[in-house]
Amino acid sequence: MGLAPRDAVTLKVRGRRSGKVRRIPILRTRYRGDDYLVALAGESQWVRNVRAAQGDAVILRRGAHPVHVDELAPSDRPEIIAEYLRAGGRRSGAEANAQQARFYFGLEPDPSIDDIRAIADNYPVFRLSYL
């Protein structure tokens, strides 16, 4: 059994239709002192649930931490996505990072910030504010 990466967390958010609490394993990205979540699948169910919950959620990692989840404007996303990719390289190595850039974002390995800017509209990014 392997250990989860240090930035692996579980996001708990209420389902927008069922009202049931949903748990989503996700990697948290730290950038300039703040924590962020990057939606690798774009407009996924957890993204819709966070929006419907008006950002109210809980992060599980060594305890339960209530958070407010704020969606960033597309123009504010590229640096966070770039940091997500850099962190992936530190976690898993350059080859895994290149595969992630290609698979999730449709980018060539080691993309420029302009490459990331071109796709940022398709990948919601959220800032976590711990309550």
C-alpha atoms as a PDB file:
ATOM      1  CA  MET A   1       0.000   0.000   0.000  1.00  0.00           C
ATOM      2  CA  GLY A   2       1.435   3.386  -1.013  1.00  0.00           C
ATOM      3  CA  LEU A   3       1.193   6.631   0.834  1.00  0.00           C
ATOM      4  CA  ALA A   4      -0.878   9.488  -0.530  1.00  0.00           C
ATOM      5  CA  PRO A   5       1.055  12.544  -1.684  1.00  0.00           C
ATOM      6  CA  ARG A   6       1.300  15.367   0.848  1.00  0.00           C
ATOM      7  CA  ASP A   7      -1.066  17.491  -1.236  1.00  0.00           C
ATOM      8  CA  ALA A   8      -3.755  14.794  -1.558  1.00  0.00           C
ATOM      9  CA  VAL A   9      -6.966  15.824   0.193  1.00  0.00           C
ATOM     10  CA  THR A  10     -10.614  14.879   0.136  1.00  0.00           C
ATOM     11  CA  LEU A  11     -13.156  17.543  -0.741  1.00  0.00           C
ATOM     12  CA  LYS A  12     -16.546  17.128   0.936  1.00  0.00           C
ATOM     13  CA  VAL A  13     -19.401  19.022  -0.677  1.00  0.00           C
ATOM     14  CA  ARG A  14     -23.168  18.551  -0.732  1.00  0.00           C
ATOM     15  CA  GLY A  15     -24.584  17.183  -3.991  1.00  0.00           C
ATOM     16  CA  ARG A  16     -26.663  19.773  -5.787  1.00  0.00           C
ATOM     17  CA  ARG A  17     -29.497  17.372  -6.656  1.00  0.00           C
ATOM     18  CA  SER A  18     -29.381  14.630  -4.043  1.00  0.00           C
ATOM     19  CA  GLY A  19     -28.342  16.753  -1.085  1.00  0.00           C
ATOM     20  CA  LYS A  20     -26.019  13.914  -0.052  1.00  0.00           C
ATOM     21  CA  VAL A  21     -22.472  14.744   0.963  1.00  0.00           C
ATOM     22  CA  ARG A  22     -20.020  13.793  -1.774  1.00  0.00           C
ATOM     23  CA  ARG A  23     -16.341  13.014  -1.181  1.00  0.00           C
ATOM     24  CA  ILE A  24     -13.869  13.735  -3.948  1.00  0.00           C
ATOM     25  CA  PRO A  25     -10.179  12.802  -3.715  1.00  0.00           C
ATOM     26  CA  ILE A  26      -8.192  15.642  -5.234  1.00  0.00           C
ATOM     27  CA  LEU A  27      -4.729  17.203  -5.199  1.00  0.00           C
ATOM     28  CA  ARG A  28      -4.392  20.586  -3.547  1.00  0.00           C
ATOM     29  CA  THR A  29      -1.923  23.017  -5.126  1.00  0.00           C
ATOM     30  CA  ARG A  30      -0.091  25.603  -3.016  1.00  0.00           C
ATOM     31  CA  TYR A  31       0.808  28.843  -4.785  1.00  0.00           C
ATOM     32  CA  ARG A  32       2.099  32.030  -3.142  1.00  0.00           C
ATOM     33  CA  GLY A  33       0.815  31.014   0.267  1.00  0.00           C
ATOM     34  CA  ASP A  34      -2.701  29.984  -0.795  1.00  0.00           C
ATOM     35  CA  ASP A  35      -4.213  26.571  -1.522  1.00  0.00           C
ATOM     36  CA  TYR A  36      -6.072  25.849  -4.762  1.00  0.00           C
ATOM     37  CA  LEU A  37      -8.022  23.052  -6.419  1.00  0.00           C
ATOM     38  CA  VAL A  38      -7.701  22.522 -10.181  1.00  0.00           C
ATOM     39  CA  ALA A  39     -10.565  20.784 -11.990  1.00  0.00           C
ATOM     40  CA  LEU A  40      -8.686  18.420 -14.307  1.00  0.00           C
ATOM     41  CA  ALA A  41     -11.922  17.202 -15.901  1.00  0.00           C
ATOM     42  CA  GLY A  42     -13.187  20.722 -16.527  1.00  0.00           C
ATOM     43  CA  GLU A  43     -16.896  21.166 -15.784  1.00  0.00           C
ATOM     44  CA  SER A  44     -17.100  18.044 -13.628  1.00  0.00           C
ATOM     45  CA  GLN A  45     -19.759  17.090 -11.092  1.00  0.00           C
ATOM     46  CA  TRP A  46     -17.715  18.302  -8.130  1.00  0.00           C
ATOM     47  CA  VAL A  47     -17.314  21.713  -9.791  1.00  0.00           C
ATOM     48  CA  ARG A  48     -21.078  21.984 -10.281  1.00  0.00           C
ATOM     49  CA  ASN A  49     -21.681  20.883  -6.701  1.00  0.00           C
ATOM     50  CA  VAL A  50     -19.248  23.475  -5.292  1.00  0.00           C
ATOM     51  CA  ARG A  51     -20.948  26.203  -7.300  1.00  0.00           C
ATOM     52  CA  ALA A  52     -24.412  25.083  -6.146  1.00  0.00           C
ATOM     53  CA  ALA A  53     -23.187  25.003  -2.526  1.00  0.00           C
ATOM     54  CA  GLN A  54     -21.994  28.599  -2.987  1.00  0.00           C
ATOM     55  CA  GLY A  55     -18.473  27.512  -2.093  1.00  0.00           C
ATOM     56  CA  ASP A  56     -19.289  25.861   1.244  1.00  0.00           C
ATOM     57  CA  ALA A  57     -17.203  22.704   1.654  1.00  0.00           C
ATOM     58  CA  VAL A  58     -14.885  20.764   3.946  1.00  0.00           C
ATOM     59  CA  ILE A  59     -11.331  19.613   3.260  1.00  0.00           C
ATOM     60  CA  LEU A  60     -10.310  16.334   4.869  1.00  0.00           C
ATOM     61  CA  ARG A  61      -6.618  15.898   5.601  1.00  0.00           C
ATOM     62  CA  ARG A  62      -5.582  15.042   9.142  1.00  0.00           C
ATOM     63  CA  GLY A  63      -8.940  16.261  10.347  1.00  0.00           C
ATOM     64  CA  ALA A  64     -11.912  18.112   8.895  1.00  0.00           C
ATOM     65  CA  HIS A  65     -11.329  21.735   7.873  1.00  0.00           C
ATOM     66  CA  PRO A  66     -14.321  23.884   6.844  1.00  0.00           C
ATOM     67  CA  VAL A  67     -13.486  26.014   3.815  1.00  0.00           C
ATOM     68  CA  HIS A  68     -14.991  28.510   1.459  1.00  0.00           C
ATOM     69  CA  VAL A  69     -14.118  27.656  -2.140  1.00  0.00           C
ATOM     70  CA  ASP A  70     -13.862  30.677  -4.467  1.00  0.00           C
ATOM     71  CA  GLU A  71     -13.704  30.188  -8.232  1.00  0.00           C
ATOM     72  CA  LEU A  72     -11.032  32.195 -10.022  1.00  0.00           C
ATOM     73  CA  ALA A  73     -11.658  34.145 -13.197  1.00  0.00           C
ATOM     74  CA  PRO A  74     -10.111  32.477 -16.266  1.00  0.00           C
ATOM     75  CA  SER A  75      -7.457  35.216 -16.456  1.00  0.00           C
ATOM     76  CA  ASP A  76      -6.252  34.269 -12.941  1.00  0.00           C
ATOM     77  CA  ARG A  77      -5.940  30.531 -13.641  1.00  0.00           C
ATOM     78  CA  PRO A  78      -2.791  30.072 -15.799  1.00  0.00           C
ATOM     79  CA  GLU A  79      -0.210  30.547 -13.016  1.00  0.00           C
ATOM     80  CA  ILE A  80      -2.081  28.106 -10.761  1.00  0.00           C
ATOM     81  CA  ILE A  81      -2.338  25.490 -13.518  1.00  0.00           C
ATOM     82  CA  ALA A  82       1.382  25.966 -14.240  1.00  0.00           C
ATOM     83  CA  GLU A  83       2.167  25.413 -10.551  1.00  0.00           C
ATOM     84  CA  TYR A  84      -0.070  22.321 -10.549  1.00  0.00           C
ATOM     85  CA  LEU A  85       2.059  20.901 -13.374  1.00  0.00           C
ATOM     86  CA  ARG A  86       5.353  21.853 -11.670  1.00  0.00           C
ATOM     87  CA  ALA A  87       4.183  20.203  -8.442  1.00  0.00           C
ATOM     88  CA  GLY A  88       3.295  17.090 -10.441  1.00  0.00           C
ATOM     89  CA  GLY A  89       6.842  17.008 -11.775  1.00  0.00           C
ATOM     90  CA  ARG A  90       8.248  17.260  -8.249  1.00  0.00           C
ATOM     91  CA  ARG A  91       5.898  14.506  -7.046  1.00  0.00           C
ATOM     92  CA  SER A  92       6.185  12.062  -9.898  1.00  0.00           C
ATOM     93  CA  GLY A  93       9.074  13.024 -12.163  1.00  0.00           C
ATOM     94  CA  ALA A  94       9.380  14.692 -15.539  1.00  0.00           C
ATOM     95  CA  GLU A  95       7.923  11.858 -17.629  1.00  0.00           C
ATOM     96  CA  ALA A  96       4.796  11.559 -15.495  1.00  0.00           C
ATOM     97  CA  ASN A  97       4.464  15.338 -15.578  1.00  0.00           C
ATOM     98  CA  ALA A  98       4.667  15.363 -19.381  1.00  0.00           C
ATOM     99  CA  GLN A  99       2.001  12.660 -19.567  1.00  0.00           C
ATOM    100  CA  GLN A 100      -0.238  14.647 -17.238  1.00  0.00           C
ATOM    101  CA  ALA A 101       0.151  17.826 -19.316  1.00  0.00           C
ATOM    102  CA  ARG A 102      -0.805  15.877 -22.430  1.00  0.00           C
ATOM    103  CA  PHE A 103      -3.596  13.719 -20.958  1.00  0.00           C
ATOM    104  CA  TYR A 104      -5.462  16.252 -18.825  1.00  0.00           C
ATOM    105  CA  PHE A 105      -4.707  19.548 -20.518  1.00  0.00           C
ATOM    106  CA  GLY A 106      -3.877  18.557 -24.112  1.00  0.00           C
ATOM    107  CA  LEU A 107      -0.538  20.365 -23.816  1.00  0.00           C
ATOM    108  CA  GLU A 108       2.946  19.463 -24.911  1.00  0.00           C
ATOM    109  CA  PRO A 109       5.460  18.627 -22.157  1.00  0.00           C
ATOM    110  CA  ASP A 110       6.788  21.710 -20.366  1.00  0.00           C
ATOM    111  CA  PRO A 111       4.152  24.114 -21.724  1.00  0.00           C
ATOM    112  CA  SER A 112       4.672  27.871 -21.751  1.00  0.00           C
ATOM    113  CA  ILE A 113       2.407  30.181 -19.769  1.00  0.00           C
ATOM    114  CA  ASP A 114       0.893  31.276 -23.106  1.00  0.00           C
ATOM    115  CA  ASP A 115       0.041  27.641 -23.903  1.00  0.00           C
ATOM    116  CA  ILE A 116      -1.660  27.352 -20.521  1.00  0.00           C
ATOM    117  CA  ARG A 117      -3.439  30.691 -20.955  1.00  0.00           C
ATOM    118  CA  ALA A 118      -4.975  29.338 -24.188  1.00  0.00           C
ATOM    119  CA  ILE A 119      -6.703  26.456 -22.356  1.00  0.00           C
ATOM    120  CA  ALA A 120      -7.407  28.052 -18.948  1.00  0.00           C
ATOM    121  CA  ASP A 121     -11.075  28.811 -19.741  1.00  0.00           C
ATOM    122  CA  ASN A 122     -11.748  25.055 -19.814  1.00  0.00           C
ATOM    123  CA  TYR A 123     -10.298  24.223 -16.369  1.00  0.00           C
ATOM    124  CA  PRO A 124     -11.955  25.806 -13.325  1.00  0.00           C
ATOM    125  CA  VAL A 125      -9.594  26.687 -10.485  1.00  0.00           C
ATOM    126  CA  PHE A 126     -10.724  27.389  -6.926  1.00  0.00           C
ATOM    127  CA  ARG A 127      -8.971  29.140  -4.024  1.00  0.00           C
ATOM    128  CA  LEU A 128      -9.503  27.603  -0.577  1.00  0.00           C
ATOM    129  CA  SER A 129     -10.184  29.946   2.333  1.00  0.00           C
ATOM    130  CA  TYR A 130      -9.988  28.062   5.614  1.00  0.00           C
ATOM    131  CA  LEU A 131     -12.684  29.119   8.087  1.00  0.00           C
END
